[in-house]
Amino acid sequence: MRDDDVALTAFVEALAAYGAGPDIAGFDDRLTFVRRTMGRARIDVFRVLLGDESRAQHANQVFEVAVESAVAQGDITPVPGAEQAISALRDAGIAVCLATGYSQRTLDRIVDAIGWHDLVDAALAPGPGRRGRPHPDLILSALIALGIDSVGEVAVAGDSVSDLVAGRRAGASVVAGVLTGAHRCEDLVRAPHTHLVEGVWDLPDLLIPETAPLSAA
C-alpha cells in the first residue's frame, strides 16, 4: 500500500493530541523514532513515545481515526503492480496473507476500500495474543490460518526492517526486502534478508518456479 505519508501525518496528529506534538521539545527525535519503527504495531510505538499505557491507548485511537478518515477519502491505494503480483502468486497455488501494524479494524477497512477481500487469502493485524512486528506472531498466525505445514514453505516480503526481522525470527525460507516503501535500501541491507527486490511486482519471478502450474490444482 501507499500509506507512508498517511501514517506519518496520523502519528503527528495523535502525538499532538497527547502533549508530544511539533511544539513540544524533542519532537524531531520522536519523529525520527516513528520513521525508524515503521512496520511495528502502532500501539507499541506510542507506548515508547508517551511512556504511559492510558495515554498510548488514547493516542492510538486518535491515530486509527485519522488513518480511517484517510481510507474513506481514498488516500491509501495499492502500489502499482501489487494486484497483478498477488493474482500471479495465487494462480500458481501460493496463498497470500497481508500483515500490518494497524489494528484489525483499520486493516479490514483498508481491504474493503480497495476491494481486495477476494484477492487475498487472509489479512492479519496485531491483537490480543498476537504481537506485532518485529515479533514473529503475525507470520506464525498466517501459517496456522492458511493451513501451511511448515514455516519453511513461507516467504515474507516487506518494506521495513521490522518486517525482515520478523521473517527471520519466524524461520521463513525467503525473507525479501522491498525497496519501494518505508525504509531505505541501506536500512534493509543491514537487516536480515535472503533477497532484495525493487517492488512487489518482482515477487512472482522470485517465488514461482518455472515449472509451476499456471493455476492452483
C-alpha atoms as a PDB file:
ATOM      1  CA  MET A   1       0.000   0.000   0.000  1.00  0.00           C
ATOM      2  CA  ARG A   2       0.971   3.626  -0.447  1.00  0.00           C
ATOM      3  CA  ASP A   3       0.364   4.835   3.103  1.00  0.00           C
ATOM      4  CA  ASP A   4       3.612   6.248   4.499  1.00  0.00           C
ATOM      5  CA  ASP A   5       2.529   9.903   4.334  1.00  0.00           C
ATOM      6  CA  VAL A   6      -0.881   9.000   5.769  1.00  0.00           C
ATOM      7  CA  ALA A   7       0.680   7.112   8.666  1.00  0.00           C
ATOM      8  CA  LEU A   8       3.194   9.856   9.412  1.00  0.00           C
ATOM      9  CA  THR A   9       0.522  12.570   9.398  1.00  0.00           C
ATOM     10  CA  ALA A  10      -1.671  10.459  11.682  1.00  0.00           C
ATOM     11  CA  PHE A  11       1.243   9.913  14.081  1.00  0.00           C
ATOM     12  CA  VAL A  12       1.857  13.659  14.301  1.00  0.00           C
ATOM     13  CA  GLU A  13      -1.837  14.334  14.918  1.00  0.00           C
ATOM     14  CA  ALA A  14      -2.006  11.706  17.653  1.00  0.00           C
ATOM     15  CA  LEU A  15       1.180  12.876  19.366  1.00  0.00           C
ATOM     16  CA  ALA A  16      -0.022  16.489  19.300  1.00  0.00           C
ATOM     17  CA  ALA A  17      -3.283  15.444  20.952  1.00  0.00           C
ATOM     18  CA  TYR A  18      -1.350  13.988  23.882  1.00  0.00           C
ATOM     19  CA  GLY A  19       1.262  16.639  24.544  1.00  0.00           C
ATOM     20  CA  ALA A  20       4.096  15.397  22.330  1.00  0.00           C
ATOM     21  CA  GLY A  21       3.492  17.365  19.111  1.00  0.00           C
ATOM     22  CA  PRO A  22       5.669  19.664  16.995  1.00  0.00           C
ATOM     23  CA  ASP A  23       5.588  22.484  19.562  1.00  0.00           C
ATOM     24  CA  ILE A  24       6.990  20.285  22.340  1.00  0.00           C
ATOM     25  CA  ALA A  25      10.742  19.843  22.878  1.00  0.00           C
ATOM     26  CA  GLY A  26      12.126  16.617  21.453  1.00  0.00           C
ATOM     27  CA  PHE A  27       9.615  16.340  18.621  1.00  0.00           C
ATOM     28  CA  ASP A  28      12.291  15.830  15.948  1.00  0.00           C
ATOM     29  CA  ASP A  29      13.638  12.863  17.899  1.00  0.00           C
ATOM     30  CA  ARG A  30      10.131  11.442  18.251  1.00  0.00           C
ATOM     31  CA  LEU A  31       9.546  11.808  14.527  1.00  0.00           C
ATOM     32  CA  THR A  32      12.851  10.063  13.792  1.00  0.00           C
ATOM     33  CA  PHE A  33      11.775   7.203  16.049  1.00  0.00           C
ATOM     34  CA  VAL A  34       8.418   6.964  14.250  1.00  0.00           C
ATOM     35  CA  ARG A  35      10.167   6.719  10.884  1.00  0.00           C
ATOM     36  CA  ARG A  36      12.645   4.155  12.171  1.00  0.00           C
ATOM     37  CA  THR A  37       9.908   1.952  13.605  1.00  0.00           C
ATOM     38  CA  MET A  38       7.589   1.928  10.589  1.00  0.00           C
ATOM     39  CA  GLY A  39       6.186  -1.584  10.296  1.00  0.00           C
ATOM     40  CA  ARG A  40       5.782  -2.132  14.024  1.00  0.00           C
ATOM     41  CA  ALA A  41       2.435  -2.278  15.793  1.00  0.00           C
ATOM     42  CA  ARG A  42       1.404   1.340  16.186  1.00  0.00           C
ATOM     43  CA  ILE A  43       0.331   0.921  19.804  1.00  0.00           C
ATOM     44  CA  ASP A  44       3.842  -0.307  20.689  1.00  0.00           C
ATOM     45  CA  VAL A  45       5.336   2.862  19.174  1.00  0.00           C
ATOM     46  CA  PHE A  46       3.001   5.072  21.223  1.00  0.00           C
ATOM     47  CA  ARG A  47       3.897   3.149  24.380  1.00  0.00           C
ATOM     48  CA  VAL A  48       7.559   4.002  23.894  1.00  0.00           C
ATOM     49  CA  LEU A  49       6.959   7.630  22.944  1.00  0.00           C
ATOM     50  CA  LEU A  50       4.396   8.501  25.615  1.00  0.00           C
ATOM     51  CA  GLY A  51       5.535   6.227  28.437  1.00  0.00           C
ATOM     52  CA  ASP A  52       2.039   5.725  29.804  1.00  0.00           C
ATOM     53  CA  GLU A  53      -0.389   2.979  28.830  1.00  0.00           C
ATOM     54  CA  SER A  54      -3.527   5.090  29.083  1.00  0.00           C
ATOM     55  CA  ARG A  55      -2.072   7.942  27.010  1.00  0.00           C
ATOM     56  CA  ALA A  56      -0.689   5.449  24.497  1.00  0.00           C
ATOM     57  CA  GLN A  57      -4.079   3.755  24.081  1.00  0.00           C
ATOM     58  CA  HIS A  58      -5.867   7.053  23.579  1.00  0.00           C
ATOM     59  CA  ALA A  59      -3.226   8.352  21.170  1.00  0.00           C
ATOM     60  CA  ASN A  60      -3.532   5.131  19.205  1.00  0.00           C
ATOM     61  CA  GLN A  61      -7.288   5.708  18.941  1.00  0.00           C
ATOM     62  CA  VAL A  62      -6.658   9.202  17.524  1.00  0.00           C
ATOM     63  CA  PHE A  63      -4.168   7.664  15.090  1.00  0.00           C
ATOM     64  CA  GLU A  64      -6.630   4.999  13.927  1.00  0.00           C
ATOM     65  CA  VAL A  65      -9.409   7.548  13.394  1.00  0.00           C
ATOM     66  CA  ALA A  66      -7.057   9.706  11.306  1.00  0.00           C
ATOM     67  CA  VAL A  67      -5.988   6.742   9.183  1.00  0.00           C
ATOM     68  CA  GLU A  68      -9.560   5.542   8.705  1.00  0.00           C
ATOM     69  CA  SER A  69     -10.546   9.045   7.595  1.00  0.00           C
ATOM     70  CA  ALA A  70      -7.757   8.902   5.007  1.00  0.00           C
ATOM     71  CA  VAL A  71      -9.013   5.492   3.880  1.00  0.00           C
ATOM     72  CA  ALA A  72     -12.523   6.882   3.427  1.00  0.00           C
ATOM     73  CA  GLN A  73     -11.091   9.707   1.301  1.00  0.00           C
ATOM     74  CA  GLY A  74      -9.196   7.272  -0.919  1.00  0.00           C
ATOM     75  CA  ASP A  75      -5.749   8.351   0.296  1.00  0.00           C
ATOM     76  CA  ILE A  76      -4.462   4.779   0.746  1.00  0.00           C
ATOM     77  CA  THR A  77      -4.000   2.961  -2.527  1.00  0.00           C
ATOM     78  CA  PRO A  78      -2.268  -0.194  -3.763  1.00  0.00           C
ATOM     79  CA  VAL A  79       1.285   0.061  -5.049  1.00  0.00           C
ATOM     80  CA  PRO A  80       1.254  -0.253  -8.855  1.00  0.00           C
ATOM     81  CA  GLY A  81       1.701  -3.884  -9.835  1.00  0.00           C
ATOM     82  CA  ALA A  82       0.603  -5.262  -6.460  1.00  0.00           C
ATOM     83  CA  GLU A  83      -2.728  -6.679  -7.626  1.00  0.00           C
ATOM     84  CA  GLN A  84      -1.150  -8.355 -10.634  1.00  0.00           C
ATOM     85  CA  ALA A  85       1.611  -9.839  -8.464  1.00  0.00           C
ATOM     86  CA  ILE A  86      -0.861 -11.246  -5.937  1.00  0.00           C
ATOM     87  CA  SER A  87      -3.014 -12.709  -8.689  1.00  0.00           C
ATOM     88  CA  ALA A  88       0.022 -14.370 -10.272  1.00  0.00           C
ATOM     89  CA  LEU A  89       1.076 -15.882  -6.941  1.00  0.00           C
ATOM     90  CA  ARG A  90      -2.381 -17.252  -6.236  1.00  0.00           C
ATOM     91  CA  ASP A  91      -2.719 -18.605  -9.761  1.00  0.00           C
ATOM     92  CA  ALA A  92       0.471 -20.568  -9.056  1.00  0.00           C
ATOM     93  CA  GLY A  93      -1.072 -22.053  -5.905  1.00  0.00           C
ATOM     94  CA  ILE A  94       0.653 -19.706  -3.426  1.00  0.00           C
ATOM     95  CA  ALA A  95      -1.596 -18.371  -0.656  1.00  0.00           C
ATOM     96  CA  VAL A  96      -1.238 -14.668   0.150  1.00  0.00           C
ATOM     97  CA  CYS A  97      -1.686 -13.064   3.570  1.00  0.00           C
ATOM     98  CA  LEU A  98      -1.484  -9.333   4.259  1.00  0.00           C
ATOM     99  CA  ALA A  99       0.102  -8.263   7.560  1.00  0.00           C
ATOM    100  CA  THR A 100       0.130  -4.794   9.105  1.00  0.00           C
ATOM    101  CA  GLY A 101       0.925  -2.678  12.126  1.00  0.00           C
ATOM    102  CA  TYR A 102      -2.553  -1.138  12.007  1.00  0.00           C
ATOM    103  CA  SER A 103      -5.391  -2.567  14.082  1.00  0.00           C
ATOM    104  CA  GLN A 104      -7.530  -5.333  12.624  1.00  0.00           C
ATOM    105  CA  ARG A 105     -10.441  -2.908  12.278  1.00  0.00           C
ATOM    106  CA  THR A 106      -8.363  -0.454  10.260  1.00  0.00           C
ATOM    107  CA  LEU A 107      -6.875  -3.213   8.124  1.00  0.00           C
ATOM    108  CA  ASP A 108     -10.349  -4.559   7.368  1.00  0.00           C
ATOM    109  CA  ARG A 109     -11.483  -1.080   6.315  1.00  0.00           C
ATOM    110  CA  ILE A 110      -8.481  -0.705   4.017  1.00  0.00           C
ATOM    111  CA  VAL A 111      -9.149  -4.090   2.405  1.00  0.00           C
ATOM    112  CA  ASP A 112     -12.815  -3.119   1.983  1.00  0.00           C
ATOM    113  CA  ALA A 113     -11.941   0.260   0.491  1.00  0.00           C
ATOM    114  CA  ILE A 114      -9.593  -1.126  -2.162  1.00  0.00           C
ATOM    115  CA  GLY A 115     -11.760  -4.167  -2.885  1.00  0.00           C
ATOM    116  CA  TRP A 116      -9.195  -6.815  -2.008  1.00  0.00           C
ATOM    117  CA  HIS A 117     -11.304  -9.254   0.029  1.00  0.00           C
ATOM    118  CA  ASP A 118     -11.409 -11.741  -2.831  1.00  0.00           C
ATOM    119  CA  LEU A 119      -7.825 -11.037  -3.872  1.00  0.00           C
ATOM    120  CA  VAL A 120      -6.055 -12.279  -0.715  1.00  0.00           C
ATOM    121  CA  ASP A 121      -6.430 -15.377   1.434  1.00  0.00           C
ATOM    122  CA  ALA A 122      -6.030 -13.649   4.804  1.00  0.00           C
ATOM    123  CA  ALA A 123      -5.330 -10.232   6.334  1.00  0.00           C
ATOM    124  CA  LEU A 124      -3.935 -10.140   9.875  1.00  0.00           C
ATOM    125  CA  ALA A 125      -3.080  -7.426  12.387  1.00  0.00           C
ATOM    126  CA  PRO A 126      -1.714  -7.355  15.938  1.00  0.00           C
ATOM    127  CA  GLY A 127      -4.258  -8.029  18.660  1.00  0.00           C
ATOM    128  CA  PRO A 128      -4.848  -9.975  21.868  1.00  0.00           C
ATOM    129  CA  GLY A 129      -2.379 -12.849  21.974  1.00  0.00           C
ATOM    130  CA  ARG A 130      -0.741 -11.746  18.702  1.00  0.00           C
ATOM    131  CA  ARG A 131       2.144  -9.304  18.912  1.00  0.00           C
ATOM    132  CA  GLY A 132       3.107  -7.027  16.064  1.00  0.00           C
ATOM    133  CA  ARG A 133       6.393  -6.992  14.198  1.00  0.00           C
ATOM    134  CA  PRO A 134       9.315  -7.450  14.753  1.00  0.00           C
ATOM    135  CA  HIS A 135       7.866 -10.390  16.685  1.00  0.00           C
ATOM    136  CA  PRO A 136       7.061 -13.428  14.509  1.00  0.00           C
ATOM    137  CA  ASP A 137       3.451 -13.771  15.661  1.00  0.00           C
ATOM    138  CA  LEU A 138       1.708 -12.447  12.527  1.00  0.00           C
ATOM    139  CA  ILE A 139       3.668 -14.818  10.288  1.00  0.00           C
ATOM    140  CA  LEU A 140       3.069 -17.815  12.515  1.00  0.00           C
ATOM    141  CA  SER A 141      -0.622 -16.909  12.789  1.00  0.00           C
ATOM    142  CA  ALA A 142      -0.811 -16.830   8.986  1.00  0.00           C
ATOM    143  CA  LEU A 143       0.797 -20.268   8.904  1.00  0.00           C
ATOM    144  CA  ILE A 144      -1.988 -21.604  11.129  1.00  0.00           C
ATOM    145  CA  ALA A 145      -4.812 -19.679   9.450  1.00  0.00           C
ATOM    146  CA  LEU A 146      -3.855 -20.906   5.985  1.00  0.00           C
ATOM    147  CA  GLY A 147      -3.058 -24.482   6.980  1.00  0.00           C
ATOM    148  CA  ILE A 148       0.590 -24.368   5.900  1.00  0.00           C
ATOM    149  CA  ASP A 149       2.514 -27.446   7.051  1.00  0.00           C
ATOM    150  CA  SER A 150       5.963 -25.950   7.540  1.00  0.00           C
ATOM    151  CA  VAL A 151       7.389 -22.498   8.130  1.00  0.00           C
ATOM    152  CA  GLY A 152       9.970 -23.457   5.507  1.00  0.00           C
ATOM    153  CA  GLU A 153       7.179 -23.080   2.957  1.00  0.00           C
ATOM    154  CA  VAL A 154       6.667 -19.426   3.916  1.00  0.00           C
ATOM    155  CA  ALA A 155       8.038 -16.354   2.159  1.00  0.00           C
ATOM    156  CA  VAL A 156       7.922 -12.959   3.875  1.00  0.00           C
ATOM    157  CA  ALA A 157       8.148  -9.719   1.897  1.00  0.00           C
ATOM    158  CA  GLY A 158       8.157  -6.282   3.473  1.00  0.00           C
ATOM    159  CA  ASP A 159       9.459  -2.748   3.131  1.00  0.00           C
ATOM    160  CA  SER A 160      10.595  -2.209   6.736  1.00  0.00           C
ATOM    161  CA  VAL A 161      13.356  -3.556   8.944  1.00  0.00           C
ATOM    162  CA  SER A 162      10.699  -4.895  11.320  1.00  0.00           C
ATOM    163  CA  ASP A 163       9.209  -6.985   8.506  1.00  0.00           C
ATOM    164  CA  LEU A 164      12.549  -8.618   7.804  1.00  0.00           C
ATOM    165  CA  VAL A 165      13.408  -9.238  11.443  1.00  0.00           C
ATOM    166  CA  ALA A 166      10.003 -10.875  11.935  1.00  0.00           C
ATOM    167  CA  GLY A 167      10.564 -13.072   8.887  1.00  0.00           C
ATOM    168  CA  ARG A 168      13.930 -14.256  10.173  1.00  0.00           C
ATOM    169  CA  ARG A 169      12.565 -14.895  13.669  1.00  0.00           C
ATOM    170  CA  ALA A 170       9.687 -16.910  12.230  1.00  0.00           C
ATOM    171  CA  GLY A 171      12.067 -19.087  10.210  1.00  0.00           C
ATOM    172  CA  ALA A 172      10.704 -18.223   6.751  1.00  0.00           C
ATOM    173  CA  SER A 173      12.798 -19.633   3.921  1.00  0.00           C
ATOM    174  CA  VAL A 174      12.504 -16.413   1.902  1.00  0.00           C
ATOM    175  CA  VAL A 175      12.766 -13.008   3.586  1.00  0.00           C
ATOM    176  CA  ALA A 176      12.595 -10.370   0.864  1.00  0.00           C
ATOM    177  CA  GLY A 177      13.140  -6.674   1.427  1.00  0.00           C
ATOM    178  CA  VAL A 178      11.069  -4.456  -0.871  1.00  0.00           C
ATOM    179  CA  LEU A 179      12.803  -1.223  -1.876  1.00  0.00           C
ATOM    180  CA  THR A 180       9.774   0.935  -2.642  1.00  0.00           C
ATOM    181  CA  GLY A 181       8.434   1.605   0.834  1.00  0.00           C
ATOM    182  CA  ALA A 182       9.059   2.666   4.398  1.00  0.00           C
ATOM    183  CA  HIS A 183      12.807   2.111   4.721  1.00  0.00           C
ATOM    184  CA  ARG A 184      15.773   2.882   2.507  1.00  0.00           C
ATOM    185  CA  CYS A 185      17.930   0.296   0.761  1.00  0.00           C
ATOM    186  CA  GLU A 186      20.795   0.845   3.212  1.00  0.00           C
ATOM    187  CA  ASP A 187      18.457   0.097   6.127  1.00  0.00           C
ATOM    188  CA  LEU A 188      17.179  -3.120   4.567  1.00  0.00           C
ATOM    189  CA  VAL A 189      20.688  -4.256   3.582  1.00  0.00           C
ATOM    190  CA  ARG A 190      21.670  -4.213   7.252  1.00  0.00           C
ATOM    191  CA  ALA A 191      18.568  -6.188   8.262  1.00  0.00           C
ATOM    192  CA  PRO A 192      18.307  -9.983   7.975  1.00  0.00           C
ATOM    193  CA  HIS A 193      17.166 -10.935   4.484  1.00  0.00           C
ATOM    194  CA  THR A 194      17.584 -13.505   1.740  1.00  0.00           C
ATOM    195  CA  HIS A 195      16.662 -11.205  -1.162  1.00  0.00           C
ATOM    196  CA  LEU A 196      16.109  -7.564  -2.020  1.00  0.00           C
ATOM    197  CA  VAL A 197      13.601  -6.691  -4.762  1.00  0.00           C
ATOM    198  CA  GLU A 198      12.684  -3.397  -6.394  1.00  0.00           C
ATOM    199  CA  GLY A 199       8.962  -3.848  -5.780  1.00  0.00           C
ATOM    200  CA  VAL A 200       6.200  -6.338  -5.065  1.00  0.00           C
ATOM    201  CA  TRP A 201       5.856  -6.837  -8.808  1.00  0.00           C
ATOM    202  CA  ASP A 202       9.117  -8.842  -8.634  1.00  0.00           C
ATOM    203  CA  LEU A 203       7.736 -11.443  -6.214  1.00  0.00           C
ATOM    204  CA  PRO A 204       6.207 -13.821  -8.795  1.00  0.00           C
ATOM    205  CA  ASP A 205       9.570 -14.161 -10.586  1.00  0.00           C
ATOM    206  CA  LEU A 206      11.235 -14.784  -7.237  1.00  0.00           C
ATOM    207  CA  LEU A 207       8.747 -17.269  -5.823  1.00  0.00           C
ATOM    208  CA  ILE A 208       7.196 -19.155  -8.745  1.00  0.00           C
ATOM    209  CA  PRO A 209       9.386 -21.911 -10.206  1.00  0.00           C
ATOM    210  CA  GLU A 210       9.458 -22.096 -13.978  1.00  0.00           C
ATOM    211  CA  THR A 211       7.766 -25.485 -13.713  1.00  0.00           C
ATOM    212  CA  ALA A 212       4.874 -24.170 -11.584  1.00  0.00           C
ATOM    213  CA  PRO A 213       1.340 -24.772 -12.922  1.00  0.00           C
ATOM    214  CA  LEU A 214      -0.495 -21.753 -14.268  1.00  0.00           C
ATOM    215  CA  SER A 215      -3.258 -22.219 -11.732  1.00  0.00           C
ATOM    216  CA  ALA A 216      -3.748 -23.910  -8.399  1.00  0.00           C
ATOM    217  CA  ALA A 217      -4.772 -27.572  -8.503  1.00  0.00           C
END
